[in-house]
């Protein structure tokens, strides 16, 4: 079920997995951004004008989801920016002006990232695995109910400096205490911002820097350090949500702590969440 910042809805509908690529084919793009802007967009609408299609099959006020797909793709040509948060606000605001029967709208975009293979002007290849995301909810009249950004899909490996000891031991415990493990974790980060400010590149660097520099006693401690640093160094951020998976690899063979062979961890996986607010 879809979550809306404004609360539960009696009805909503929309279009998801709308893929769009905007190409600056002359290779010219704003500094720090590639000529390839790719996104996977979901647009959801709600309001009383759409209720008759549920109760009576009356589509008088209904905007077809195929029209929504066309709107997203065609209006991307008129979007001149590169930030996903600004992109979502652009689509949401223009759609509500075009279709005033829409009481509220939520637009979510997930980056489809590409990077230049040489100088970033002609040839490109997919990159990642982490992807920027943004989600905006607007009410008719232009009121912003939610403006959330994030980076999903971090896959982070640390060769050492991670421990997990001192946990409860009883008849169900088989896990040994580990004082220096190669930590492999997946991470999603979302944040709320008091103003429309492109922070994705800064947050990505911050996550990498904390993971590199911090020796931890648990994954919980790692994500707390990341969230705390974001609130301390990014004044516009009012809330941070982090969710991590423990994907630490299974050991095949080791020679002390200097050399080892490992394989992908088997499920199930540990899942850890944290929300920090000012």
Protein backbone atom coordinates (compact mmCIF):
# COMPACT_ATOMS: atom_id res chain seq x y z
CA UNK A 1 0.00 0.00 0.00
CA UNK A 2 1.22 3.48 -0.86
CA UNK A 3 2.04 5.92 1.95
CA UNK A 4 1.07 9.59 1.63
CA UNK A 5 2.43 12.29 3.92
CA UNK A 6 -1.08 13.76 4.12
CA UNK A 7 -2.51 10.49 5.48
CA UNK A 8 -4.43 7.45 4.24
CA UNK A 9 -6.51 7.88 1.11
CA UNK A 10 -9.90 6.40 0.26
CA UNK A 11 -8.72 6.09 -3.32
CA UNK A 12 -5.69 6.89 -5.43
CA UNK A 13 -4.41 5.85 -8.84
CA UNK A 14 -1.62 6.64 -11.23
CA UNK A 15 1.20 5.39 -13.42
CA UNK A 16 4.43 3.72 -12.34
CA UNK A 17 7.66 2.64 -14.06
CA UNK A 18 7.55 5.55 -16.48
CA UNK A 19 11.05 5.55 -17.97
CA UNK A 20 12.46 8.74 -19.43
CA UNK A 21 15.91 9.80 -20.70
CA UNK A 22 16.69 13.41 -21.54
CA UNK A 23 19.86 13.69 -23.64
CA UNK A 24 21.88 16.81 -24.23
CA UNK A 25 23.29 15.38 -27.44
CA UNK A 26 25.75 18.23 -27.92
CA UNK A 27 27.46 17.08 -24.72
CA UNK A 28 26.79 20.40 -22.96
CA UNK A 29 25.23 20.14 -19.50
CA UNK A 30 25.34 22.08 -16.20
CA UNK A 31 28.65 21.74 -14.37
CA UNK A 32 28.83 18.57 -12.33
CA UNK A 33 26.04 16.85 -14.25
CA UNK A 34 26.28 14.47 -17.22
CA UNK A 35 24.40 15.12 -20.49
CA UNK A 36 22.28 12.04 -19.70
CA UNK A 37 19.35 12.60 -17.31
CA UNK A 38 17.51 9.33 -16.67
CA UNK A 39 14.63 8.62 -14.30
CA UNK A 40 12.00 6.03 -13.39
CA UNK A 41 8.89 7.99 -12.38
CA UNK A 42 5.75 7.11 -10.44
CA UNK A 43 2.84 9.57 -10.39
CA UNK A 44 -0.17 9.07 -8.11
CA UNK A 45 -3.33 11.20 -7.90
CA UNK A 46 -6.12 11.44 -5.34
CA UNK A 47 -9.34 13.42 -4.92
CA UNK A 48 -13.12 13.22 -4.91
CA UNK A 49 -13.28 13.90 -8.65
CA UNK A 50 -11.98 10.39 -9.26
CA UNK A 51 -14.38 8.59 -6.91
CA UNK A 52 -17.23 8.10 -9.47
CA UNK A 53 -15.02 5.86 -11.61
CA UNK A 54 -14.90 3.43 -8.66
CA UNK A 55 -18.58 3.56 -7.74
CA UNK A 56 -20.28 3.97 -11.11
CA UNK A 57 -17.65 3.52 -13.81
CA UNK A 58 -18.05 7.23 -14.60
CA UNK A 59 -14.72 8.45 -16.02
CA UNK A 60 -15.82 12.04 -16.71
CA UNK A 61 -13.10 13.64 -14.57
CA UNK A 62 -10.54 10.87 -14.89
CA UNK A 63 -7.14 11.51 -16.49
CA UNK A 64 -6.11 8.26 -18.18
CA UNK A 65 -2.89 6.78 -16.84
CA UNK A 66 -1.63 6.61 -20.42
CA UNK A 67 -2.05 10.39 -20.61
CA UNK A 68 -0.09 10.67 -17.36
CA UNK A 69 2.74 8.67 -18.92
CA UNK A 70 2.75 10.93 -21.98
CA UNK A 71 2.69 14.03 -19.76
CA UNK A 72 5.73 12.88 -17.79
CA UNK A 73 7.76 11.99 -20.83
CA UNK A 74 6.91 15.03 -22.94
CA UNK A 75 7.22 17.58 -20.14
CA UNK A 76 10.70 16.29 -19.31
CA UNK A 77 11.79 18.17 -22.44
CA UNK A 78 10.69 21.41 -20.73
CA UNK A 79 12.56 20.65 -17.51
CA UNK A 80 15.91 22.44 -17.61
CA UNK A 81 17.39 21.27 -14.30
CA UNK A 82 19.24 18.13 -13.22
CA UNK A 83 18.10 17.67 -9.60
CA UNK A 84 15.43 15.00 -8.99
CA UNK A 85 13.72 16.99 -6.22
CA UNK A 86 13.27 19.96 -8.55
CA UNK A 87 12.13 17.61 -11.32
CA UNK A 88 9.40 16.07 -9.13
CA UNK A 89 8.17 19.51 -8.09
CA UNK A 90 8.14 20.64 -11.72
CA UNK A 91 6.03 17.66 -12.85
CA UNK A 92 3.67 17.81 -9.87
CA UNK A 93 3.03 21.53 -10.11
CA UNK A 94 2.46 21.57 -13.85
CA UNK A 95 0.17 18.53 -13.73
CA UNK A 96 -2.07 20.10 -11.08
CA UNK A 97 -2.27 23.34 -13.05
CA UNK A 98 -3.23 21.34 -16.13
CA UNK A 99 -5.81 19.17 -14.33
CA UNK A 100 -7.34 21.25 -11.51
CA UNK A 101 -9.71 18.41 -10.52
CA UNK A 102 -6.68 16.79 -8.90
CA UNK A 103 -6.90 17.34 -5.13
CA UNK A 104 -3.40 16.06 -4.44
CA UNK A 105 -0.50 14.45 -6.26
CA UNK A 106 2.58 12.46 -5.32
CA UNK A 107 5.51 12.19 -7.74
CA UNK A 108 8.45 9.90 -7.07
CA UNK A 109 11.53 9.61 -9.28
CA UNK A 110 14.41 7.14 -9.06
CA UNK A 111 17.62 8.02 -10.89
CA UNK A 112 18.82 5.87 -13.79
CA UNK A 113 22.48 6.88 -13.60
CA UNK A 114 24.98 7.04 -16.44
CA UNK A 115 28.57 8.23 -16.43
CA UNK A 116 30.99 9.15 -19.19
CA UNK A 117 33.37 6.37 -20.24
CA UNK A 118 36.16 8.80 -21.22
CA UNK A 119 35.50 12.52 -20.89
CA UNK A 120 31.74 12.50 -20.36
CA UNK A 121 30.86 14.17 -23.66
CA UNK A 122 29.94 11.44 -26.17
CA UNK A 123 30.02 7.92 -24.74
CA UNK A 124 28.34 6.74 -21.52
CA UNK A 125 27.73 3.59 -19.50
CA UNK A 126 25.37 2.74 -16.61
CA UNK A 127 26.82 3.40 -13.17
CA UNK A 128 25.85 2.79 -9.58
CA UNK A 129 24.78 0.68 -7.79
CA UNK A 130 23.38 3.47 -5.61
CA UNK A 131 20.69 5.67 -7.12
CA UNK A 132 19.35 9.04 -6.11
CA UNK A 133 15.61 9.34 -5.46
CA UNK A 134 13.12 12.08 -4.68
CA UNK A 135 9.46 12.13 -3.65
CA UNK A 136 7.14 15.15 -3.57
CA UNK A 137 3.50 15.46 -2.52
CA UNK A 138 1.56 18.61 -3.42
CA UNK A 139 -1.95 19.73 -2.63
CA UNK A 140 -4.03 21.86 -5.02
CA UNK A 141 -2.93 25.46 -4.56
CA UNK A 142 0.76 24.57 -4.49
CA UNK A 143 1.12 23.54 -0.84
CA UNK A 144 4.08 21.17 -0.41
CA UNK A 145 3.09 18.33 1.94
CA UNK A 146 6.30 16.33 1.55
CA UNK A 147 9.67 16.87 -0.10
CA UNK A 148 11.87 13.84 0.50
CA UNK A 149 15.17 12.99 -1.13
CA UNK A 150 17.46 10.02 -0.78
CA UNK A 151 20.03 7.63 -2.11
CA UNK A 152 19.10 3.95 -2.30
CA UNK A 153 21.21 0.92 -3.06
CA UNK A 154 24.58 1.60 -1.44
CA UNK A 155 26.72 -1.56 -1.37
CA UNK A 156 29.63 -0.94 0.98
CA UNK A 157 32.59 -3.17 1.83
CA UNK A 158 35.11 -2.54 4.60
CA UNK A 159 38.07 -4.94 4.84
CA UNK A 160 38.40 -4.66 8.61
CA UNK A 161 37.71 -2.48 11.62
CA UNK A 162 34.22 -3.84 12.29
CA UNK A 163 33.29 -5.89 15.35
CA UNK A 164 30.18 -7.56 16.73
CA UNK A 165 30.59 -8.74 20.32
CA UNK A 166 28.85 -8.71 23.69
CA UNK A 167 25.36 -9.58 22.45
CA UNK A 168 22.91 -11.80 24.35
CA UNK A 169 24.02 -15.42 24.52
CA UNK A 170 21.52 -18.14 25.38
CA UNK A 171 20.25 -21.48 24.09
CA UNK A 172 19.36 -19.94 20.71
CA UNK A 173 22.79 -18.36 20.07
CA UNK A 174 25.13 -19.98 17.56
CA UNK A 175 26.87 -16.88 16.18
CA UNK A 176 30.43 -16.46 17.45
CA UNK A 177 31.72 -13.11 18.66
CA UNK A 178 33.65 -11.35 15.89
CA UNK A 179 36.31 -8.74 16.69
CA UNK A 180 37.53 -7.81 13.20
CA UNK A 181 35.28 -8.79 10.31
CA UNK A 182 35.15 -7.72 6.67
CA UNK A 183 31.87 -5.80 6.78
CA UNK A 184 29.59 -5.84 3.74
CA UNK A 185 26.36 -3.89 4.07
CA UNK A 186 23.63 -2.44 1.91
CA UNK A 187 22.17 0.94 2.78
CA UNK A 188 19.27 3.22 1.85
CA UNK A 189 19.22 6.83 3.09
CA UNK A 190 16.28 9.28 2.92
CA UNK A 191 16.09 12.82 4.24
CA UNK A 192 13.61 15.67 4.61
CA UNK A 193 14.85 19.16 3.82
CA UNK A 194 13.51 22.53 4.98
CA UNK A 195 14.30 24.00 1.56
CA UNK A 196 14.78 22.76 -1.98
CA UNK A 197 18.51 22.16 -1.93
CA UNK A 198 20.46 19.61 -4.04
CA UNK A 199 22.36 17.59 -1.44
CA UNK A 200 22.74 14.22 -3.16
CA UNK A 201 26.42 14.54 -4.07
CA UNK A 202 27.26 15.81 -0.58
CA UNK A 203 25.38 12.99 1.15
CA UNK A 204 27.02 10.36 -1.08
CA UNK A 205 30.48 11.67 -0.13
CA UNK A 206 29.50 11.78 3.54
CA UNK A 207 28.33 8.16 3.57
CA UNK A 208 31.55 7.04 1.91
CA UNK A 209 33.70 9.11 4.28
CA UNK A 210 32.05 7.82 7.47
CA UNK A 211 32.13 4.21 6.30
CA UNK A 212 35.82 4.55 5.46
CA UNK A 213 36.93 6.29 8.65
CA UNK A 214 34.76 4.84 11.43
CA UNK A 215 35.66 1.61 13.24
CA UNK A 216 32.42 0.20 14.60
CA UNK A 217 31.03 -2.23 17.13
CA UNK A 218 27.84 -2.81 15.13
CA UNK A 219 26.08 -1.80 11.92
CA UNK A 220 23.66 0.15 14.11
CA UNK A 221 26.58 2.29 15.22
CA UNK A 222 27.65 2.89 11.63
CA UNK A 223 24.26 4.19 10.50
CA UNK A 224 23.93 6.31 13.65
CA UNK A 225 27.25 7.97 12.83
CA UNK A 226 26.10 8.67 9.25
CA UNK A 227 22.76 10.12 10.34
CA UNK A 228 24.29 12.23 13.11
CA UNK A 229 26.89 13.65 10.74
CA UNK A 230 24.21 14.60 8.21
CA UNK A 231 22.23 16.52 10.84
CA UNK A 232 25.40 18.18 12.17
CA UNK A 233 26.80 19.29 8.81
CA UNK A 234 23.68 19.88 6.69
CA UNK A 235 21.53 22.55 8.42
CA UNK A 236 18.69 22.26 5.89
CA UNK A 237 18.12 18.57 6.72
CA UNK A 238 15.40 18.11 9.36
CA UNK A 239 15.02 14.31 9.36
CA UNK A 240 17.18 11.37 8.28
CA UNK A 241 15.96 7.80 7.78
CA UNK A 242 18.44 4.99 7.27
CA UNK A 243 17.88 1.30 6.61
CA UNK A 244 20.74 -1.17 6.33
CA UNK A 245 21.05 -4.86 5.50
CA UNK A 246 23.82 -6.97 6.96
CA UNK A 247 25.22 -8.71 3.89
CA UNK A 248 28.57 -9.68 5.44
CA UNK A 249 30.08 -12.43 3.31
CA UNK A 250 30.42 -16.02 4.50
CA UNK A 251 33.99 -17.18 5.10
CA UNK A 252 35.37 -19.96 2.89
CA UNK A 253 38.97 -19.99 4.17
CA UNK A 254 41.28 -17.54 5.96
CA UNK A 255 44.96 -17.14 6.73
CA UNK A 256 44.80 -15.13 9.94
CA UNK A 257 43.36 -11.65 9.36
CA UNK A 258 45.59 -10.91 6.38
CA UNK A 259 44.06 -13.04 3.62
CA UNK A 260 40.74 -14.75 3.09
CA UNK A 261 38.33 -16.15 0.53
CA UNK A 262 34.64 -15.35 0.97
CA UNK A 263 31.32 -15.94 -0.79
CA UNK A 264 27.97 -14.15 -0.85
CA UNK A 265 26.02 -14.31 2.39
CA UNK A 266 23.12 -16.72 2.49
CA UNK A 267 19.65 -15.48 3.48
CA UNK A 268 18.06 -14.53 5.79
CA UNK A 269 19.65 -11.10 6.26
CA UNK A 270 19.74 -8.75 9.22
CA UNK A 271 17.71 -5.56 8.67
CA UNK A 272 18.35 -2.44 10.75
CA UNK A 273 16.53 0.89 10.70
CA UNK A 274 17.03 4.32 12.27
CA UNK A 275 15.28 7.70 12.16
CA UNK A 276 16.94 10.86 13.51
CA UNK A 277 15.29 14.28 13.75
CA UNK A 278 16.36 17.70 14.92
